[in-house]
Amino acid sequence: HSSEGERLPTPPSPVGWEGSRGVLKRADTSEKQIKREFATGNAIVNLQFGIDRPDQLGDEGAAVVSRCLSLGCPWVTTLWLSHNGISLSGAQVLGEGLARNESVTELSLASNPI
């Protein structure tokens, strides 16, 4: 668990949040969406922002994903992060979160400048 006492919400019913890729209002930040995607209770967290959105997660977003992974999220088994402008430093931070997470067994980082 996080040293800052940060916690993700308990996942809702298996139906989950219906706002998936590309339907965010401009006021939503990447961090807010990342946390929302992890809190859905879905096994697959799809954050392929660069495919259907003009913005990308980048290394800053990878750090938020890493923090979410560090908090546990045992329901998440698959993480899609392709097309996000994640560099080597972002991948290293992401690796730190993955090292503390026991449930993610599939990861996609395709089309990132690693």
PDB file of N, CA and C in Angstrom:
ATOM      1  N   HIS A   1       0.833  -1.191   0.000  1.00  0.00           N
ATOM      2  CA  HIS A   1       0.000   0.000   0.000  1.00  0.00           C
ATOM      3  C   HIS A   1       0.871   1.246   0.000  1.00  0.00           C
ATOM      4  N   SER A   2       0.298   2.333  -0.437  1.00  0.00           N
ATOM      5  CA  SER A   2       1.031   3.574  -0.630  1.00  0.00           C
ATOM      6  C   SER A   2       1.418   4.200   0.697  1.00  0.00           C
ATOM      7  N   SER A   3       2.599   4.815   0.722  1.00  0.00           N
ATOM      8  CA  SER A   3       3.045   5.486   1.928  1.00  0.00           C
ATOM      9  C   SER A   3       2.254   6.759   2.166  1.00  0.00           C
ATOM     10  N   GLU A   4       1.622   7.314   1.135  1.00  0.00           N
ATOM     11  CA  GLU A   4       0.829   8.531   1.278  1.00  0.00           C
ATOM     12  C   GLU A   4      -0.577   8.229   1.761  1.00  0.00           C
ATOM     13  N   GLY A   5      -0.903   6.977   1.987  1.00  0.00           N
ATOM     14  CA  GLY A   5      -2.234   6.604   2.421  1.00  0.00           C
ATOM     15  C   GLY A   5      -3.254   6.647   1.296  1.00  0.00           C
ATOM     16  N   GLU A   6      -2.795   6.715   0.070  1.00  0.00           N
ATOM     17  CA  GLU A   6      -3.679   6.783  -1.080  1.00  0.00           C
ATOM     18  C   GLU A   6      -4.352   5.435  -1.296  1.00  0.00           C
ATOM     19  N   ARG A   7      -5.655   5.461  -1.570  1.00  0.00           N
ATOM     20  CA  ARG A   7      -6.395   4.229  -1.816  1.00  0.00           C
ATOM     21  C   ARG A   7      -7.284   4.412  -3.030  1.00  0.00           C
ATOM     22  N   LEU A   8      -7.437   3.337  -3.760  1.00  0.00           N
ATOM     23  CA  LEU A   8      -8.393   3.335  -4.856  1.00  0.00           C
ATOM     24  C   LEU A   8      -9.746   2.937  -4.309  1.00  0.00           C
ATOM     25  N   PRO A   9     -10.812   3.419  -4.931  1.00  0.00           N
ATOM     26  CA  PRO A   9     -12.134   2.994  -4.479  1.00  0.00           C
ATOM     27  C   PRO A   9     -12.303   1.492  -4.659  1.00  0.00           C
ATOM     28  N   THR A  10     -13.162   0.899  -3.839  1.00  0.00           N
ATOM     29  CA  THR A  10     -13.496  -0.509  -3.998  1.00  0.00           C
ATOM     30  C   THR A  10     -14.212  -0.666  -5.325  1.00  0.00           C
ATOM     31  N   PRO A  11     -13.884  -1.682  -6.093  1.00  0.00           N
ATOM     32  CA  PRO A  11     -14.546  -1.829  -7.384  1.00  0.00           C
ATOM     33  C   PRO A  11     -16.054  -1.985  -7.229  1.00  0.00           C
ATOM     34  N   PRO A  12     -16.811  -1.398  -8.155  1.00  0.00           N
ATOM     35  CA  PRO A  12     -18.268  -1.533  -8.099  1.00  0.00           C
ATOM     36  C   PRO A  12     -18.705  -2.909  -8.574  1.00  0.00           C
ATOM     37  N   SER A  13     -19.982  -3.047  -8.852  1.00  0.00           N
ATOM     38  CA  SER A  13     -20.511  -4.320  -9.330  1.00  0.00           C
ATOM     39  C   SER A  13     -19.770  -4.759 -10.588  1.00  0.00           C
ATOM     40  N   PRO A  14     -19.850  -6.039 -10.948  1.00  0.00           N
ATOM     41  CA  PRO A  14     -19.127  -6.543 -12.115  1.00  0.00           C
ATOM     42  C   PRO A  14     -19.452  -5.819 -13.427  1.00  0.00           C
ATOM     43  N   VAL A  15     -20.585  -5.130 -13.481  1.00  0.00           N
ATOM     44  CA  VAL A  15     -20.925  -4.404 -14.697  1.00  0.00           C
ATOM     45  C   VAL A  15     -19.901  -3.318 -14.958  1.00  0.00           C
ATOM     46  N   GLY A  16     -19.437  -2.654 -13.916  1.00  0.00           N
ATOM     47  CA  GLY A  16     -18.374  -1.659 -14.051  1.00  0.00           C
ATOM     48  C   GLY A  16     -18.830  -0.339 -14.636  1.00  0.00           C
ATOM     49  N   TRP A  17     -17.910   0.565 -14.709  1.00  0.00           N
ATOM     50  CA  TRP A  17     -18.152   1.902 -15.248  1.00  0.00           C
ATOM     51  C   TRP A  17     -18.264   1.821 -16.752  1.00  0.00           C
ATOM     52  N   GLU A  18     -19.223   2.502 -17.355  1.00  0.00           N
ATOM     53  CA  GLU A  18     -19.440   2.383 -18.790  1.00  0.00           C
ATOM     54  C   GLU A  18     -18.667   3.390 -19.618  1.00  0.00           C
ATOM     55  N   GLY A  19     -17.960   4.296 -19.002  1.00  0.00           N
ATOM     56  CA  GLY A  19     -17.205   5.282 -19.765  1.00  0.00           C
ATOM     57  C   GLY A  19     -15.849   4.748 -20.145  1.00  0.00           C
ATOM     58  N   SER A  20     -15.761   4.039 -21.238  1.00  0.00           N
ATOM     59  CA  SER A  20     -14.468   3.491 -21.645  1.00  0.00           C
ATOM     60  C   SER A  20     -13.785   4.457 -22.593  1.00  0.00           C
ATOM     61  N   ARG A  21     -12.899   3.963 -23.409  1.00  0.00           N
ATOM     62  CA  ARG A  21     -12.037   4.778 -24.250  1.00  0.00           C
ATOM     63  C   ARG A  21     -12.773   5.893 -24.990  1.00  0.00           C
ATOM     64  N   GLY A  22     -12.167   7.088 -24.957  1.00  0.00           N
ATOM     65  CA  GLY A  22     -12.588   8.160 -25.825  1.00  0.00           C
ATOM     66  C   GLY A  22     -13.859   8.893 -25.465  1.00  0.00           C
ATOM     67  N   VAL A  23     -14.431   8.680 -24.296  1.00  0.00           N
ATOM     68  CA  VAL A  23     -15.683   9.347 -23.975  1.00  0.00           C
ATOM     69  C   VAL A  23     -15.552  10.312 -22.801  1.00  0.00           C
ATOM     70  N   LEU A  24     -14.364  10.767 -22.531  1.00  0.00           N
ATOM     71  CA  LEU A  24     -14.156  11.674 -21.407  1.00  0.00           C
ATOM     72  C   LEU A  24     -14.470  13.108 -21.771  1.00  0.00           C
ATOM     73  N   LYS A  25     -14.935  13.846 -20.791  1.00  0.00           N
ATOM     74  CA  LYS A  25     -15.072  15.282 -20.960  1.00  0.00           C
ATOM     75  C   LYS A  25     -13.686  15.896 -20.819  1.00  0.00           C
ATOM     76  N   ARG A  26     -13.452  17.021 -21.419  1.00  0.00           N
ATOM     77  CA  ARG A  26     -12.152  17.681 -21.374  1.00  0.00           C
ATOM     78  C   ARG A  26     -11.693  17.960 -19.948  1.00  0.00           C
ATOM     79  N   ALA A  27     -12.621  18.149 -19.013  1.00  0.00           N
ATOM     80  CA  ALA A  27     -12.253  18.485 -17.634  1.00  0.00           C
ATOM     81  C   ALA A  27     -11.579  17.318 -16.925  1.00  0.00           C
ATOM     82  N   ASP A  28     -11.810  16.105 -17.393  1.00  0.00           N
ATOM     83  CA  ASP A  28     -11.177  14.947 -16.771  1.00  0.00           C
ATOM     84  C   ASP A  28      -9.688  14.932 -17.077  1.00  0.00           C
ATOM     85  N   THR A  29      -8.896  14.705 -16.071  1.00  0.00           N
ATOM     86  CA  THR A  29      -7.451  14.620 -16.256  1.00  0.00           C
ATOM     87  C   THR A  29      -7.064  13.180 -16.530  1.00  0.00           C
ATOM     88  N   SER A  30      -5.876  12.995 -17.058  1.00  0.00           N
ATOM     89  CA  SER A  30      -5.386  11.635 -17.276  1.00  0.00           C
ATOM     90  C   SER A  30      -5.330  10.870 -15.968  1.00  0.00           C
ATOM     91  N   GLU A  31      -4.861  11.535 -14.903  1.00  0.00           N
ATOM     92  CA  GLU A  31      -4.767  10.858 -13.605  1.00  0.00           C
ATOM     93  C   GLU A  31      -6.139  10.406 -13.130  1.00  0.00           C
ATOM     94  N   LYS A  32      -7.124  11.263 -13.288  1.00  0.00           N
ATOM     95  CA  LYS A  32      -8.480  10.928 -12.857  1.00  0.00           C
ATOM     96  C   LYS A  32      -9.011   9.729 -13.646  1.00  0.00           C
ATOM     97  N   GLN A  33      -8.778   9.714 -14.954  1.00  0.00           N
ATOM     98  CA  GLN A  33      -9.258   8.591 -15.754  1.00  0.00           C
ATOM     99  C   GLN A  33      -8.510   7.311 -15.411  1.00  0.00           C
ATOM    100  N   ILE A  34      -7.213   7.404 -15.203  1.00  0.00           N
ATOM    101  CA  ILE A  34      -6.431   6.214 -14.854  1.00  0.00           C
ATOM    102  C   ILE A  34      -6.989   5.592 -13.576  1.00  0.00           C
ATOM    103  N   LYS A  35      -7.195   6.406 -12.563  1.00  0.00           N
ATOM    104  CA  LYS A  35      -7.725   5.885 -11.294  1.00  0.00           C
ATOM    105  C   LYS A  35      -9.124   5.309 -11.483  1.00  0.00           C
ATOM    106  N   ARG A  36      -9.924   5.954 -12.302  1.00  0.00           N
ATOM    107  CA  ARG A  36     -11.281   5.468 -12.565  1.00  0.00           C
ATOM    108  C   ARG A  36     -11.228   4.114 -13.267  1.00  0.00           C
ATOM    109  N   GLU A  37     -10.343   3.961 -14.237  1.00  0.00           N
ATOM    110  CA  GLU A  37     -10.235   2.691 -14.954  1.00  0.00           C
ATOM    111  C   GLU A  37      -9.805   1.560 -14.019  1.00  0.00           C
ATOM    112  N   PHE A  38      -8.901   1.851 -13.094  1.00  0.00           N
ATOM    113  CA  PHE A  38      -8.472   0.825 -12.144  1.00  0.00           C
ATOM    114  C   PHE A  38      -9.577   0.480 -11.158  1.00  0.00           C
ATOM    115  N   ALA A  39     -10.451   1.427 -10.862  1.00  0.00           N
ATOM    116  CA  ALA A  39     -11.506   1.216  -9.877  1.00  0.00           C
ATOM    117  C   ALA A  39     -12.746   0.542 -10.449  1.00  0.00           C
ATOM    118  N   THR A  40     -12.794   0.281 -11.743  1.00  0.00           N
ATOM    119  CA  THR A  40     -13.992  -0.298 -12.344  1.00  0.00           C
ATOM    120  C   THR A  40     -14.256  -1.729 -11.916  1.00  0.00           C
ATOM    121  N   GLY A  41     -13.225  -2.435 -11.521  1.00  0.00           N
ATOM    122  CA  GLY A  41     -13.396  -3.837 -11.191  1.00  0.00           C
ATOM    123  C   GLY A  41     -13.233  -4.739 -12.399  1.00  0.00           C
ATOM    124  N   ASN A  42     -12.882  -4.153 -13.547  1.00  0.00           N
ATOM    125  CA  ASN A  42     -12.665  -4.950 -14.763  1.00  0.00           C
ATOM    126  C   ASN A  42     -11.276  -5.575 -14.743  1.00  0.00           C
ATOM    127  N   ALA A  43     -11.166  -6.763 -15.308  1.00  0.00           N
ATOM    128  CA  ALA A  43      -9.873  -7.439 -15.359  1.00  0.00           C
ATOM    129  C   ALA A  43      -8.916  -6.767 -16.330  1.00  0.00           C
ATOM    130  N   ILE A  44      -9.471  -6.129 -17.379  1.00  0.00           N
ATOM    131  CA  ILE A  44      -8.638  -5.469 -18.377  1.00  0.00           C
ATOM    132  C   ILE A  44      -8.708  -3.963 -18.181  1.00  0.00           C
ATOM    133  N   VAL A  45      -7.561  -3.335 -17.971  1.00  0.00           N
ATOM    134  CA  VAL A  45      -7.481  -1.879 -17.888  1.00  0.00           C
ATOM    135  C   VAL A  45      -6.936  -1.401 -19.229  1.00  0.00           C
ATOM    136  N   ASN A  46      -7.793  -0.712 -19.986  1.00  0.00           N
ATOM    137  CA  ASN A  46      -7.451  -0.261 -21.329  1.00  0.00           C
ATOM    138  C   ASN A  46      -7.154   1.235 -21.307  1.00  0.00           C
ATOM    139  N   LEU A  47      -5.889   1.585 -21.375  1.00  0.00           N
ATOM    140  CA  LEU A  47      -5.463   2.982 -21.368  1.00  0.00           C
ATOM    141  C   LEU A  47      -4.671   3.305 -22.635  1.00  0.00           C
ATOM    142  N   GLN A  48      -5.137   2.840 -23.760  1.00  0.00           N
ATOM    143  CA  GLN A  48      -4.468   3.104 -25.029  1.00  0.00           C
ATOM    144  C   GLN A  48      -4.899   4.475 -25.542  1.00  0.00           C
ATOM    145  N   PHE A  49      -4.521   5.514 -24.830  1.00  0.00           N
ATOM    146  CA  PHE A  49      -4.985   6.870 -25.129  1.00  0.00           C
ATOM    147  C   PHE A  49      -4.623   7.325 -26.537  1.00  0.00           C
ATOM    148  N   GLY A  50      -3.439   7.032 -27.000  1.00  0.00           N
ATOM    149  CA  GLY A  50      -2.972   7.544 -28.278  1.00  0.00           C
ATOM    150  C   GLY A  50      -3.718   7.000 -29.484  1.00  0.00           C
ATOM    151  N   ILE A  51      -4.499   5.952 -29.304  1.00  0.00           N
ATOM    152  CA  ILE A  51      -5.231   5.364 -30.424  1.00  0.00           C
ATOM    153  C   ILE A  51      -6.446   6.215 -30.773  1.00  0.00           C
ATOM    154  N   ASP A  52      -7.228   6.608 -29.794  1.00  0.00           N
ATOM    155  CA  ASP A  52      -8.460   7.327 -30.090  1.00  0.00           C
ATOM    156  C   ASP A  52      -8.562   8.697 -29.424  1.00  0.00           C
ATOM    157  N   ARG A  53      -7.469   9.174 -28.873  1.00  0.00           N
ATOM    158  CA  ARG A  53      -7.432  10.503 -28.265  1.00  0.00           C
ATOM    159  C   ARG A  53      -6.158  11.197 -28.700  1.00  0.00           C
ATOM    160  N   PRO A  54      -6.202  12.507 -28.811  1.00  0.00           N
ATOM    161  CA  PRO A  54      -4.993  13.219 -29.240  1.00  0.00           C
ATOM    162  C   PRO A  54      -3.898  13.255 -28.180  1.00  0.00           C
ATOM    163  N   ASP A  55      -4.256  13.103 -26.920  1.00  0.00           N
ATOM    164  CA  ASP A  55      -3.252  13.138 -25.851  1.00  0.00           C
ATOM    165  C   ASP A  55      -2.794  11.728 -25.507  1.00  0.00           C
ATOM    166  N   GLN A  56      -1.670  11.651 -24.823  1.00  0.00           N
ATOM    167  CA  GLN A  56      -1.104  10.372 -24.418  1.00  0.00           C
ATOM    168  C   GLN A  56      -0.766  10.429 -22.934  1.00  0.00           C
ATOM    169  N   LEU A  57      -0.608   9.271 -22.327  1.00  0.00           N
ATOM    170  CA  LEU A  57      -0.249   9.207 -20.908  1.00  0.00           C
ATOM    171  C   LEU A  57       1.153   9.732 -20.657  1.00  0.00           C
ATOM    172  N   GLY A  58       2.094   9.337 -21.481  1.00  0.00           N
ATOM    173  CA  GLY A  58       3.479   9.727 -21.280  1.00  0.00           C
ATOM    174  C   GLY A  58       4.046   9.128 -20.008  1.00  0.00           C
ATOM    175  N   ASP A  59       5.208   9.608 -19.606  1.00  0.00           N
ATOM    176  CA  ASP A  59       5.877   9.082 -18.410  1.00  0.00           C
ATOM    177  C   ASP A  59       5.130   9.459 -17.134  1.00  0.00           C
ATOM    178  N   GLU A  60       4.509  10.621 -17.135  1.00  0.00           N
ATOM    179  CA  GLU A  60       3.738  11.053 -15.959  1.00  0.00           C
ATOM    180  C   GLU A  60       2.557  10.111 -15.728  1.00  0.00           C
ATOM    181  N   GLY A  61       1.861   9.762 -16.784  1.00  0.00           N
ATOM    182  CA  GLY A  61       0.749   8.823 -16.666  1.00  0.00           C
ATOM    183  C   GLY A  61       1.221   7.434 -16.266  1.00  0.00           C
ATOM    184  N   ALA A  62       2.389   7.034 -16.772  1.00  0.00           N
ATOM    185  CA  ALA A  62       2.951   5.733 -16.391  1.00  0.00           C
ATOM    186  C   ALA A  62       3.226   5.694 -14.891  1.00  0.00           C
ATOM    187  N   ALA A  63       3.627   6.820 -14.327  1.00  0.00           N
ATOM    188  CA  ALA A  63       3.871   6.891 -12.876  1.00  0.00           C
ATOM    189  C   ALA A  63       2.561   6.731 -12.098  1.00  0.00           C
ATOM    190  N   VAL A  64       1.466   7.302 -12.615  1.00  0.00           N
ATOM    191  CA  VAL A  64       0.157   7.142 -11.962  1.00  0.00           C
ATOM    192  C   VAL A  64      -0.274   5.674 -12.040  1.00  0.00           C
ATOM    193  N   VAL A  65      -0.086   5.057 -13.192  1.00  0.00           N
ATOM    194  CA  VAL A  65      -0.413   3.635 -13.349  1.00  0.00           C
ATOM    195  C   VAL A  65       0.409   2.807 -12.365  1.00  0.00           C
ATOM    196  N   SER A  66       1.683   3.132 -12.223  1.00  0.00           N
ATOM    197  CA  SER A  66       2.554   2.421 -11.288  1.00  0.00           C
ATOM    198  C   SER A  66       2.035   2.522  -9.863  1.00  0.00           C
ATOM    199  N   ARG A  67       1.601   3.714  -9.465  1.00  0.00           N
ATOM    200  CA  ARG A  67       1.046   3.888  -8.111  1.00  0.00           C
ATOM    201  C   ARG A  67      -0.216   3.046  -7.934  1.00  0.00           C
ATOM    202  N   CYS A  68      -1.078   3.009  -8.946  1.00  0.00           N
ATOM    203  CA  CYS A  68      -2.286   2.189  -8.867  1.00  0.00           C
ATOM    204  C   CYS A  68      -1.927   0.714  -8.722  1.00  0.00           C
ATOM    205  N   LEU A  69      -0.954   0.260  -9.491  1.00  0.00           N
ATOM    206  CA  LEU A  69      -0.517  -1.135  -9.398  1.00  0.00           C
ATOM    207  C   LEU A  69       0.049  -1.444  -8.019  1.00  0.00           C
ATOM    208  N   SER A  70       0.747  -0.486  -7.430  1.00  0.00           N
ATOM    209  CA  SER A  70       1.343  -0.679  -6.106  1.00  0.00           C
ATOM    210  C   SER A  70       0.283  -0.847  -5.027  1.00  0.00           C
ATOM    211  N   LEU A  71      -0.909  -0.307  -5.268  1.00  0.00           N
ATOM    212  CA  LEU A  71      -1.988  -0.403  -4.289  1.00  0.00           C
ATOM    213  C   LEU A  71      -2.668  -1.765  -4.302  1.00  0.00           C
ATOM    214  N   GLY A  72      -2.291  -2.596  -5.234  1.00  0.00           N
ATOM    215  CA  GLY A  72      -2.843  -3.947  -5.297  1.00  0.00           C
ATOM    216  C   GLY A  72      -3.690  -4.167  -6.524  1.00  0.00           C
ATOM    217  N   CYS A  73      -4.962  -3.802  -6.465  1.00  0.00           N
ATOM    218  CA  CYS A  73      -5.909  -4.017  -7.568  1.00  0.00           C
ATOM    219  C   CYS A  73      -5.878  -5.461  -8.046  1.00  0.00           C
ATOM    220  N   PRO A  74      -6.177  -6.438  -7.197  1.00  0.00           N
ATOM    221  CA  PRO A  74      -6.061  -7.847  -7.573  1.00  0.00           C
ATOM    222  C   PRO A  74      -6.990  -8.267  -8.705  1.00  0.00           C
ATOM    223  N   TRP A  75      -7.995  -7.467  -9.026  1.00  0.00           N
ATOM    224  CA  TRP A  75      -8.907  -7.797 -10.113  1.00  0.00           C
ATOM    225  C   TRP A  75      -8.306  -7.490 -11.489  1.00  0.00           C
ATOM    226  N   VAL A  76      -7.239  -6.684 -11.540  1.00  0.00           N
ATOM    227  CA  VAL A  76      -6.626  -6.320 -12.819  1.00  0.00           C
ATOM    228  C   VAL A  76      -5.613  -7.393 -13.228  1.00  0.00           C
ATOM    229  N   THR A  77      -5.852  -8.005 -14.381  1.00  0.00           N
ATOM    230  CA  THR A  77      -4.936  -9.038 -14.885  1.00  0.00           C
ATOM    231  C   THR A  77      -4.263  -8.619 -16.194  1.00  0.00           C
ATOM    232  N   THR A  78      -4.856  -7.670 -16.894  1.00  0.00           N
ATOM    233  CA  THR A  78      -4.358  -7.248 -18.203  1.00  0.00           C
ATOM    234  C   THR A  78      -4.287  -5.729 -18.261  1.00  0.00           C
ATOM    235  N   LEU A  79      -3.183  -5.227 -18.758  1.00  0.00           N
ATOM    236  CA  LEU A  79      -2.954  -3.779 -18.822  1.00  0.00           C
ATOM    237  C   LEU A  79      -2.519  -3.406 -20.233  1.00  0.00           C
ATOM    238  N   TRP A  80      -3.325  -2.582 -20.912  1.00  0.00           N
ATOM    239  CA  TRP A  80      -3.023  -2.135 -22.275  1.00  0.00           C
ATOM    240  C   TRP A  80      -2.572  -0.687 -22.234  1.00  0.00           C
ATOM    241  N   LEU A  81      -1.321  -0.446 -22.559  1.00  0.00           N
ATOM    242  CA  LEU A  81      -0.743   0.900 -22.515  1.00  0.00           C
ATOM    243  C   LEU A  81      -0.075   1.285 -23.839  1.00  0.00           C
ATOM    244  N   SER A  82      -0.473   0.672 -24.931  1.00  0.00           N
ATOM    245  CA  SER A  82       0.168   0.986 -26.206  1.00  0.00           C
ATOM    246  C   SER A  82      -0.191   2.398 -26.676  1.00  0.00           C
ATOM    247  N   HIS A  83       0.661   2.952 -27.533  1.00  0.00           N
ATOM    248  CA  HIS A  83       0.434   4.272 -28.149  1.00  0.00           C
ATOM    249  C   HIS A  83       0.327   5.390 -27.111  1.00  0.00           C
ATOM    250  N   ASN A  84       1.198   5.421 -26.129  1.00  0.00           N
ATOM    251  CA  ASN A  84       1.086   6.407 -25.061  1.00  0.00           C
ATOM    252  C   ASN A  84       2.311   7.284 -24.859  1.00  0.00           C
ATOM    253  N   GLY A  85       3.301   7.204 -25.703  1.00  0.00           N
ATOM    254  CA  GLY A  85       4.477   8.058 -25.543  1.00  0.00           C
ATOM    255  C   GLY A  85       5.269   7.766 -24.280  1.00  0.00           C
ATOM    256  N   ILE A  86       5.257   6.526 -23.842  1.00  0.00           N
ATOM    257  CA  ILE A  86       5.990   6.127 -22.633  1.00  0.00           C
ATOM    258  C   ILE A  86       7.434   5.833 -23.028  1.00  0.00           C
ATOM    259  N   SER A  87       8.371   6.528 -22.393  1.00  0.00           N
ATOM    260  CA  SER A  87       9.792   6.353 -22.692  1.00  0.00           C
ATOM    261  C   SER A  87      10.412   5.333 -21.728  1.00  0.00           C
ATOM    262  N   LEU A  88      11.719   5.176 -21.830  1.00  0.00           N
ATOM    263  CA  LEU A  88      12.430   4.249 -20.955  1.00  0.00           C
ATOM    264  C   LEU A  88      12.224   4.593 -19.483  1.00  0.00           C
ATOM    265  N   SER A  89      12.293   5.879 -19.132  1.00  0.00           N
ATOM    266  CA  SER A  89      12.122   6.252 -17.719  1.00  0.00           C
ATOM    267  C   SER A  89      10.705   5.930 -17.235  1.00  0.00           C
ATOM    268  N   GLY A  90       9.692   6.137 -18.069  1.00  0.00           N
ATOM    269  CA  GLY A  90       8.324   5.785 -17.691  1.00  0.00           C
ATOM    270  C   GLY A  90       8.156   4.291 -17.542  1.00  0.00           C
ATOM    271  N   ALA A  91       8.810   3.527 -18.434  1.00  0.00           N
ATOM    272  CA  ALA A  91       8.740   2.068 -18.354  1.00  0.00           C
ATOM    273  C   ALA A  91       9.410   1.555 -17.077  1.00  0.00           C
ATOM    274  N   GLN A  92      10.484   2.211 -16.668  1.00  0.00           N
ATOM    275  CA  GLN A  92      11.161   1.803 -15.428  1.00  0.00           C
ATOM    276  C   GLN A  92      10.268   2.037 -14.215  1.00  0.00           C
ATOM    277  N   VAL A  93       9.607   3.184 -14.172  1.00  0.00           N
ATOM    278  CA  VAL A  93       8.683   3.487 -13.065  1.00  0.00           C
ATOM    279  C   VAL A  93       7.517   2.501 -13.085  1.00  0.00           C
ATOM    280  N   LEU A  94       7.014   2.206 -14.274  1.00  0.00           N
ATOM    281  CA  LEU A  94       5.937   1.238 -14.419  1.00  0.00           C
ATOM    282  C   LEU A  94       6.381  -0.133 -13.897  1.00  0.00           C
ATOM    283  N   GLY A  95       7.613  -0.507 -14.183  1.00  0.00           N
ATOM    284  CA  GLY A  95       8.163  -1.774 -13.700  1.00  0.00           C
ATOM    285  C   GLY A  95       8.185  -1.867 -12.188  1.00  0.00           C
ATOM    286  N   GLU A  96       8.411  -0.744 -11.531  1.00  0.00           N
ATOM    287  CA  GLU A  96       8.397  -0.733 -10.063  1.00  0.00           C
ATOM    288  C   GLU A  96       7.010  -1.077  -9.532  1.00  0.00           C
ATOM    289  N   GLY A  97       5.978  -0.530 -10.154  1.00  0.00           N
ATOM    290  CA  GLY A  97       4.609  -0.855  -9.741  1.00  0.00           C
ATOM    291  C   GLY A  97       4.258  -2.299 -10.041  1.00  0.00           C
ATOM    292  N   LEU A  98       4.698  -2.777 -11.202  1.00  0.00           N
ATOM    293  CA  LEU A  98       4.434  -4.170 -11.565  1.00  0.00           C
ATOM    294  C   LEU A  98       5.129  -5.136 -10.615  1.00  0.00           C
ATOM    295  N   ALA A  99       6.305  -4.757 -10.124  1.00  0.00           N
ATOM    296  CA  ALA A  99       7.034  -5.618  -9.188  1.00  0.00           C
ATOM    297  C   ALA A  99       6.271  -5.805  -7.878  1.00  0.00           C
ATOM    298  N   ARG A 100       5.438  -4.837  -7.521  1.00  0.00           N
ATOM    299  CA  ARG A 100       4.653  -4.922  -6.283  1.00  0.00           C
ATOM    300  C   ARG A 100       3.244  -5.467  -6.517  1.00  0.00           C
ATOM    301  N   ASN A 101       2.909  -5.756  -7.758  1.00  0.00           N
ATOM    302  CA  ASN A 101       1.571  -6.231  -8.094  1.00  0.00           C
ATOM    303  C   ASN A 101       1.661  -7.712  -8.464  1.00  0.00           C
ATOM    304  N   GLU A 102       0.754  -8.513  -7.929  1.00  0.00           N
ATOM    305  CA  GLU A 102       0.803  -9.952  -8.171  1.00  0.00           C
ATOM    306  C   GLU A 102      -0.232 -10.445  -9.162  1.00  0.00           C
ATOM    307  N   SER A 103      -1.107  -9.561  -9.656  1.00  0.00           N
ATOM    308  CA  SER A 103      -2.206 -10.051 -10.480  1.00  0.00           C
ATOM    309  C   SER A 103      -2.040  -9.799 -11.980  1.00  0.00           C
ATOM    310  N   VAL A 104      -1.282  -8.793 -12.385  1.00  0.00           N
ATOM    311  CA  VAL A 104      -1.130  -8.496 -13.809  1.00  0.00           C
ATOM    312  C   VAL A 104      -0.266  -9.574 -14.460  1.00  0.00           C
ATOM    313  N   THR A 105      -0.851 -10.245 -15.450  1.00  0.00           N
ATOM    314  CA  THR A 105      -0.121 -11.295 -16.164  1.00  0.00           C
ATOM    315  C   THR A 105       0.077 -10.957 -17.639  1.00  0.00           C
ATOM    316  N   GLU A 106      -0.625  -9.926 -18.130  1.00  0.00           N
ATOM    317  CA  GLU A 106      -0.464  -9.502 -19.518  1.00  0.00           C
ATOM    318  C   GLU A 106      -0.297  -7.998 -19.570  1.00  0.00           C
ATOM    319  N   LEU A 107       0.656  -7.548 -20.387  1.00  0.00           N
ATOM    320  CA  LEU A 107       0.962  -6.123 -20.506  1.00  0.00           C
ATOM    321  C   LEU A 107       1.276  -5.801 -21.960  1.00  0.00           C
ATOM    322  N   SER A 108       0.680  -4.740 -22.479  1.00  0.00           N
ATOM    323  CA  SER A 108       1.003  -4.284 -23.826  1.00  0.00           C
ATOM    324  C   SER A 108       1.581  -2.875 -23.757  1.00  0.00           C
ATOM    325  N   LEU A 109       2.800  -2.725 -24.252  1.00  0.00           N
ATOM    326  CA  LEU A 109       3.453  -1.426 -24.349  1.00  0.00           C
ATOM    327  C   LEU A 109       3.850  -1.136 -25.807  1.00  0.00           C
ATOM    328  N   ALA A 110       3.116  -1.724 -26.742  1.00  0.00           N
ATOM    329  CA  ALA A 110       3.421  -1.561 -28.161  1.00  0.00           C
ATOM    330  C   ALA A 110       3.354  -0.085 -28.569  1.00  0.00           C
ATOM    331  N   SER A 111       4.169   0.271 -29.527  1.00  0.00           N
ATOM    332  CA  SER A 111       4.169   1.628 -30.115  1.00  0.00           C
ATOM    333  C   SER A 111       4.446   2.720 -29.094  1.00  0.00           C
ATOM    334  N   ASN A 112       5.353   2.464 -28.171  1.00  0.00           N
ATOM    335  CA  ASN A 112       5.868   3.464 -27.237  1.00  0.00           C
ATOM    336  C   ASN A 112       7.356   3.633 -27.511  1.00  0.00           C
ATOM    337  N   PRO A 113       7.897   4.842 -27.320  1.00  0.00           N
ATOM    338  CA  PRO A 113       9.332   5.083 -27.609  1.00  0.00           C
ATOM    339  C   PRO A 113      10.248   4.611 -26.489  1.00  0.00           C
ATOM    340  N   ILE A 114      10.140   3.340 -26.128  1.00  0.00           N
ATOM    341  CA  ILE A 114      10.948   2.793 -25.034  1.00  0.00           C
ATOM    342  C   ILE A 114      12.330   2.456 -25.542  1.00  0.00           C
TER     343      ILE A 114
END
